[in-house]
N, C-alpha and C. Protein backbone atom coordinates (compact mmCIF):
# COMPACT_ATOMS: atom_id res chain seq x y z
N MET A 1 -14.14 -122.39 240.19
CA MET A 1 -13.86 -123.10 239.43
C MET A 1 -14.57 -122.00 238.22
N SER A 2 -13.88 -122.16 236.97
CA SER A 2 -14.10 -121.01 235.66
C SER A 2 -14.54 -122.04 234.60
N GLY A 3 -15.47 -121.01 233.42
CA GLY A 3 -15.45 -121.88 232.45
C GLY A 3 -15.15 -120.77 231.63
N ALA A 4 -15.51 -121.26 230.08
CA ALA A 4 -15.46 -120.20 228.87
C ALA A 4 -15.83 -121.34 227.76
N TYR A 5 -16.54 -120.08 226.86
CA TYR A 5 -17.14 -121.07 225.09
C TYR A 5 -17.16 -119.82 224.54
N GLU A 6 -17.13 -120.35 223.23
CA GLU A 6 -17.69 -119.48 222.25
C GLU A 6 -18.67 -120.17 221.39
N TYR A 7 -19.80 -119.45 221.11
CA TYR A 7 -21.16 -120.02 220.47
C TYR A 7 -21.30 -119.46 219.27
N LEU A 8 -21.42 -119.99 218.04
CA LEU A 8 -21.38 -119.08 216.67
C LEU A 8 -23.06 -118.89 216.36
N LEU A 9 -23.09 -117.94 216.23
CA LEU A 9 -24.93 -117.19 215.94
C LEU A 9 -24.60 -117.24 214.73
N ASP A 10 -24.11 -116.87 213.93
CA ASP A 10 -24.15 -116.48 211.81
C ASP A 10 -23.09 -116.97 211.43
N GLY A 11 -22.84 -116.76 210.06
CA GLY A 11 -21.51 -117.32 209.67
C GLY A 11 -21.13 -116.47 209.04
N MET A 12 -22.06 -115.38 208.04
CA MET A 12 -21.94 -114.47 207.46
C MET A 12 -22.58 -113.32 207.80
N PRO A 13 -21.94 -112.06 208.30
CA PRO A 13 -20.53 -112.49 208.50
C PRO A 13 -20.48 -113.14 210.04
N ARG A 14 -18.92 -113.19 210.07
CA ARG A 14 -18.73 -114.64 211.57
C ARG A 14 -19.31 -113.27 212.64
N VAL A 15 -19.92 -113.90 213.37
CA VAL A 15 -20.74 -113.28 214.27
C VAL A 15 -20.82 -114.67 215.50
N LEU A 16 -20.25 -114.11 216.74
CA LEU A 16 -20.23 -115.14 217.86
C LEU A 16 -20.31 -114.29 219.24
N MET A 17 -20.51 -115.10 220.57
CA MET A 17 -21.13 -115.06 221.66
C MET A 17 -19.89 -115.78 222.08
N VAL A 18 -19.14 -114.47 223.35
CA VAL A 18 -17.86 -115.47 223.77
C VAL A 18 -18.50 -114.99 225.31
N VAL A 19 -18.72 -116.71 225.87
CA VAL A 19 -18.91 -116.29 227.86
C VAL A 19 -18.20 -116.96 227.99
N GLU A 20 -17.66 -116.19 228.85
CA GLU A 20 -16.66 -116.52 230.66
C GLU A 20 -17.02 -116.27 231.91
N PHE A 21 -16.82 -116.93 232.77
CA PHE A 21 -17.21 -117.19 233.94
C PHE A 21 -17.14 -117.45 234.96
N LYS A 22 -17.18 -117.40 236.07
CA LYS A 22 -16.43 -117.99 237.66
C LYS A 22 -17.42 -118.42 238.34
N THR A 23 -17.51 -119.89 238.79
CA THR A 23 -18.81 -119.92 239.96
C THR A 23 -17.34 -120.42 241.27
N THR A 24 -18.56 -120.46 242.10
CA THR A 24 -17.77 -120.99 243.64
C THR A 24 -17.48 -122.45 243.70
N GLN A 25 -16.63 -122.84 244.48
CA GLN A 25 -15.94 -124.12 244.09
C GLN A 25 -16.76 -124.99 244.07
N ARG A 26 -17.97 -125.07 244.26
CA ARG A 26 -19.23 -126.26 243.72
C ARG A 26 -19.37 -126.28 242.98
N GLY A 27 -19.46 -125.28 241.90
CA GLY A 27 -20.13 -124.48 240.87
C GLY A 27 -21.69 -124.10 241.15
N ARG A 28 -22.02 -123.92 242.28
CA ARG A 28 -23.17 -123.91 242.52
C ARG A 28 -24.40 -121.78 241.94
N ASP A 29 -23.26 -121.53 242.70
CA ASP A 29 -23.22 -119.63 242.29
C ASP A 29 -22.41 -119.07 241.07
N VAL A 30 -22.73 -118.36 240.26
CA VAL A 30 -21.57 -117.18 239.51
C VAL A 30 -20.91 -116.31 240.33
N MET A 31 -19.81 -116.30 240.33
CA MET A 31 -19.28 -115.46 240.97
C MET A 31 -18.55 -114.30 240.34
N ASP A 32 -18.73 -114.38 238.74
CA ASP A 32 -18.56 -113.32 238.38
C ASP A 32 -18.79 -114.06 236.31
N TYR A 33 -19.24 -113.03 235.56
CA TYR A 33 -18.80 -113.57 234.10
C TYR A 33 -18.95 -112.24 233.10
N SER A 34 -18.74 -112.47 231.87
CA SER A 34 -18.73 -111.48 230.74
C SER A 34 -19.54 -112.45 229.56
N VAL A 35 -20.71 -112.00 228.55
CA VAL A 35 -20.89 -112.58 228.06
C VAL A 35 -20.86 -111.17 226.52
N VAL A 36 -19.93 -111.50 225.53
CA VAL A 36 -19.75 -110.70 224.44
C VAL A 36 -20.20 -110.95 223.42
N LEU A 37 -20.78 -110.09 222.62
CA LEU A 37 -21.25 -109.74 221.32
C LEU A 37 -20.12 -109.72 220.34
N VAL A 38 -19.53 -110.51 219.47
CA VAL A 38 -18.56 -110.12 218.91
C VAL A 38 -18.84 -110.22 217.17
N VAL A 39 -18.29 -109.24 216.72
CA VAL A 39 -18.70 -109.20 214.99
C VAL A 39 -17.06 -109.29 214.09
N GLU A 40 -16.77 -110.40 213.41
CA GLU A 40 -15.32 -110.50 212.94
C GLU A 40 -15.63 -109.05 211.28
N VAL A 41 -14.54 -108.59 211.57
CA VAL A 41 -14.90 -107.06 210.32
C VAL A 41 -13.25 -107.37 210.03
N ASP A 42 -13.28 -107.87 208.65
CA ASP A 42 -11.85 -107.14 207.80
C ASP A 42 -10.97 -108.93 208.52
N GLU A 43 -11.35 -109.52 208.68
CA GLU A 43 -10.80 -110.75 209.86
C GLU A 43 -10.33 -110.42 211.31
N ARG A 44 -10.80 -109.01 211.61
CA ARG A 44 -10.47 -108.65 213.45
C ARG A 44 -12.08 -108.97 214.04
N ARG A 45 -11.70 -108.69 215.07
CA ARG A 45 -13.19 -109.44 216.11
C ARG A 45 -13.26 -107.95 216.79
N GLU A 46 -14.70 -107.20 216.71
CA GLU A 46 -15.15 -106.55 217.11
C GLU A 46 -15.69 -106.63 218.06
N ALA A 47 -16.04 -106.29 219.25
CA ALA A 47 -17.14 -106.05 220.35
C ALA A 47 -18.27 -105.04 219.82
N VAL A 48 -19.23 -105.46 220.34
CA VAL A 48 -20.20 -104.86 219.71
C VAL A 48 -21.05 -104.66 221.19
N ARG A 49 -21.19 -105.51 221.91
CA ARG A 49 -21.69 -105.47 223.26
C ARG A 49 -21.38 -106.06 224.23
N LEU A 50 -21.05 -105.60 225.46
CA LEU A 50 -20.44 -106.48 226.58
C LEU A 50 -21.38 -106.51 227.62
N TYR A 51 -21.89 -107.70 228.54
CA TYR A 51 -22.76 -107.77 229.55
C TYR A 51 -21.70 -108.44 230.38
N ASP A 52 -22.18 -107.98 231.67
CA ASP A 52 -20.73 -108.78 233.13
C ASP A 52 -20.85 -108.39 234.17
N GLY A 53 -20.72 -108.87 235.38
CA GLY A 53 -20.78 -108.89 236.63
C GLY A 53 -19.76 -108.29 237.53
N ALA A 54 -18.46 -107.73 236.82
CA ALA A 54 -17.33 -107.38 237.33
C ALA A 54 -17.54 -106.55 238.62
N HIS A 55 -18.43 -105.77 238.38
CA HIS A 55 -18.64 -104.94 239.94
C HIS A 55 -19.96 -105.48 240.63
N GLY A 56 -20.55 -106.91 240.82
CA GLY A 56 -21.34 -107.16 241.54
C GLY A 56 -22.75 -107.21 241.02
N GLU A 57 -22.92 -106.57 239.87
CA GLU A 57 -24.12 -105.86 239.39
C GLU A 57 -24.44 -106.40 237.82
N ASN A 58 -25.20 -106.91 237.46
CA ASN A 58 -25.19 -107.73 236.19
C ASN A 58 -25.69 -105.85 235.39
N GLU A 59 -24.44 -105.67 234.78
CA GLU A 59 -24.28 -104.57 233.63
C GLU A 59 -23.89 -104.42 231.85
N LEU A 60 -24.76 -104.07 231.47
CA LEU A 60 -24.57 -103.77 230.15
C LEU A 60 -23.52 -102.60 229.63
N HIS A 61 -22.84 -102.74 228.50
CA HIS A 61 -21.68 -102.45 227.78
C HIS A 61 -21.69 -102.23 226.44
N ARG A 62 -22.25 -101.22 225.68
CA ARG A 62 -22.36 -100.74 224.68
C ARG A 62 -20.67 -100.35 223.98
N TYR A 63 -20.52 -101.07 222.75
CA TYR A 63 -19.16 -100.68 222.37
C TYR A 63 -19.36 -99.94 220.45
N THR A 64 -18.53 -98.52 220.30
CA THR A 64 -18.62 -98.05 219.40
C THR A 64 -18.19 -98.14 218.46
N ARG A 65 -18.41 -98.25 216.73
CA ARG A 65 -17.36 -98.78 215.99
C ARG A 65 -15.69 -98.27 216.27
N ASP A 66 -15.77 -97.20 216.82
CA ASP A 66 -14.29 -97.13 216.90
C ASP A 66 -13.97 -98.08 218.32
N GLY A 67 -14.35 -98.99 218.95
CA GLY A 67 -13.83 -99.72 219.53
C GLY A 67 -14.00 -99.25 221.51
N ILE A 68 -15.01 -97.93 221.51
CA ILE A 68 -14.89 -97.62 223.02
C ILE A 68 -16.01 -98.00 223.76
N LYS A 69 -15.85 -98.33 225.03
CA LYS A 69 -16.68 -99.24 225.59
C LYS A 69 -17.45 -97.79 226.18
N GLN A 70 -18.73 -98.22 226.08
CA GLN A 70 -19.52 -97.01 226.68
C GLN A 70 -19.67 -97.24 227.75
N ALA A 71 -20.18 -96.40 229.15
CA ALA A 71 -20.80 -96.54 230.58
C ALA A 71 -21.94 -97.57 230.74
N ALA A 72 -21.70 -98.38 231.86
CA ALA A 72 -21.93 -99.52 232.24
C ALA A 72 -23.65 -99.06 232.84
N GLU A 73 -24.79 -100.34 232.28
CA GLU A 73 -26.21 -99.72 232.50
C GLU A 73 -26.37 -101.10 233.52
N VAL A 74 -27.29 -101.39 234.01
CA VAL A 74 -27.77 -101.88 235.24
C VAL A 74 -28.65 -102.63 234.35
N PHE A 75 -28.75 -103.96 233.69
CA PHE A 75 -29.78 -104.82 232.82
C PHE A 75 -30.56 -105.49 233.50
N ASP A 76 -30.10 -106.37 235.24
CA ASP A 76 -31.15 -107.05 235.61
C ASP A 76 -30.38 -107.19 237.42
N ARG A 77 -32.07 -107.17 238.03
CA ARG A 77 -31.25 -107.01 239.29
C ARG A 77 -31.56 -108.52 239.67
N GLY A 78 -31.32 -109.57 239.50
CA GLY A 78 -31.50 -110.88 239.72
C GLY A 78 -30.09 -111.01 240.17
N THR A 79 -29.74 -112.12 240.58
CA THR A 79 -28.08 -112.78 240.96
C THR A 79 -27.19 -112.80 240.05
N LEU A 80 -26.06 -112.94 239.85
CA LEU A 80 -25.17 -113.18 238.78
C LEU A 80 -25.21 -113.71 237.85
N GLY A 81 -26.54 -114.96 238.35
CA GLY A 81 -26.57 -115.87 237.51
C GLY A 81 -27.35 -115.89 236.47
N GLU A 82 -28.09 -115.28 237.46
CA GLU A 82 -29.83 -114.89 236.47
C GLU A 82 -29.23 -114.06 235.30
N GLY A 83 -28.55 -112.74 236.00
CA GLY A 83 -28.10 -112.11 234.14
C GLY A 83 -27.55 -112.73 233.80
N MET A 84 -26.59 -113.79 233.90
CA MET A 84 -25.76 -114.32 232.67
C MET A 84 -26.60 -115.01 231.89
N ASN A 85 -27.39 -115.85 232.91
CA ASN A 85 -28.73 -116.38 231.54
C ASN A 85 -29.36 -115.20 230.98
N VAL A 86 -29.97 -114.43 231.16
CA VAL A 86 -30.77 -113.39 230.99
C VAL A 86 -30.04 -112.77 229.55
N ALA A 87 -28.63 -112.58 229.90
CA ALA A 87 -27.73 -112.06 228.63
C ALA A 87 -27.41 -112.85 227.38
N ILE A 88 -27.32 -113.72 227.91
CA ILE A 88 -26.73 -115.17 227.08
C ILE A 88 -28.21 -115.01 225.95
N GLU A 89 -29.54 -115.01 226.73
CA GLU A 89 -30.65 -115.40 225.64
C GLU A 89 -30.61 -113.93 224.56
N LYS A 90 -31.13 -112.53 225.36
CA LYS A 90 -30.61 -111.83 224.94
C LYS A 90 -29.84 -111.31 223.77
N ILE A 91 -28.69 -111.92 223.94
CA ILE A 91 -27.92 -111.70 222.49
C ILE A 91 -28.27 -112.84 221.48
N LYS A 92 -28.74 -114.01 222.34
CA LYS A 92 -29.07 -115.24 221.01
C LYS A 92 -30.03 -114.59 220.10
N HIS A 93 -31.00 -113.57 220.90
CA HIS A 93 -32.46 -113.53 220.02
C HIS A 93 -32.41 -112.20 219.65
N GLY A 94 -31.53 -111.08 220.12
CA GLY A 94 -31.65 -110.22 219.66
C GLY A 94 -30.26 -109.32 218.78
N TYR A 95 -28.85 -110.25 218.39
CA TYR A 95 -27.84 -109.82 217.73
C TYR A 95 -28.14 -109.56 216.53
N LYS A 96 -28.99 -109.53 215.83
CA LYS A 96 -28.73 -108.71 214.46
C LYS A 96 -29.59 -107.19 215.12
N GLU A 97 -30.44 -106.88 215.76
CA GLU A 97 -30.71 -105.91 216.13
C GLU A 97 -29.53 -105.06 216.60
N MET A 98 -28.75 -105.60 217.47
CA MET A 98 -27.62 -105.10 218.48
C MET A 98 -26.46 -104.81 217.56
N ILE A 99 -26.33 -105.38 216.39
CA ILE A 99 -25.17 -105.38 215.42
C ILE A 99 -25.77 -103.76 214.51
N ASP A 100 -26.93 -103.69 214.01
CA ASP A 100 -27.76 -102.68 213.13
C ASP A 100 -27.19 -101.78 213.98
N GLY A 101 -27.65 -101.44 215.36
CA GLY A 101 -27.49 -100.55 215.95
C GLY A 101 -26.11 -99.88 216.31
N TRP A 102 -25.58 -100.95 216.38
CA TRP A 102 -23.61 -100.70 216.29
C TRP A 102 -23.09 -100.12 215.39
N ARG A 103 -23.59 -101.12 214.16
CA ARG A 103 -22.87 -99.94 212.92
C ARG A 103 -23.87 -98.73 212.49
N ARG A 104 -24.89 -98.25 213.04
CA ARG A 104 -25.38 -96.98 212.65
C ARG A 104 -24.56 -96.01 213.49
N ALA A 105 -24.22 -96.38 214.71
CA ALA A 105 -23.77 -95.21 215.96
C ALA A 105 -22.79 -94.67 215.44
């Protein structure tokens, strides 16, 4: 099974969290996910930070203002489901600081 949703974090500028995930057939275990912090700049969506489980680990990628994805860092040693939940909470509660860092980079 898979799912996806967008969560509006702020209206000015428009800041979104985009979540996509795949689970086992019964939906119990997360098999893969991505949680992306996105900010709209001049009507374009720019990725600021990506959390994912693409390599079977909970990884974090930062983006530069030029759209270049930086090397992965492991951010959580739990299951992919636990990592996805941690990523969602990190973005919900820290998106302003994440965007400020992206702007300075």
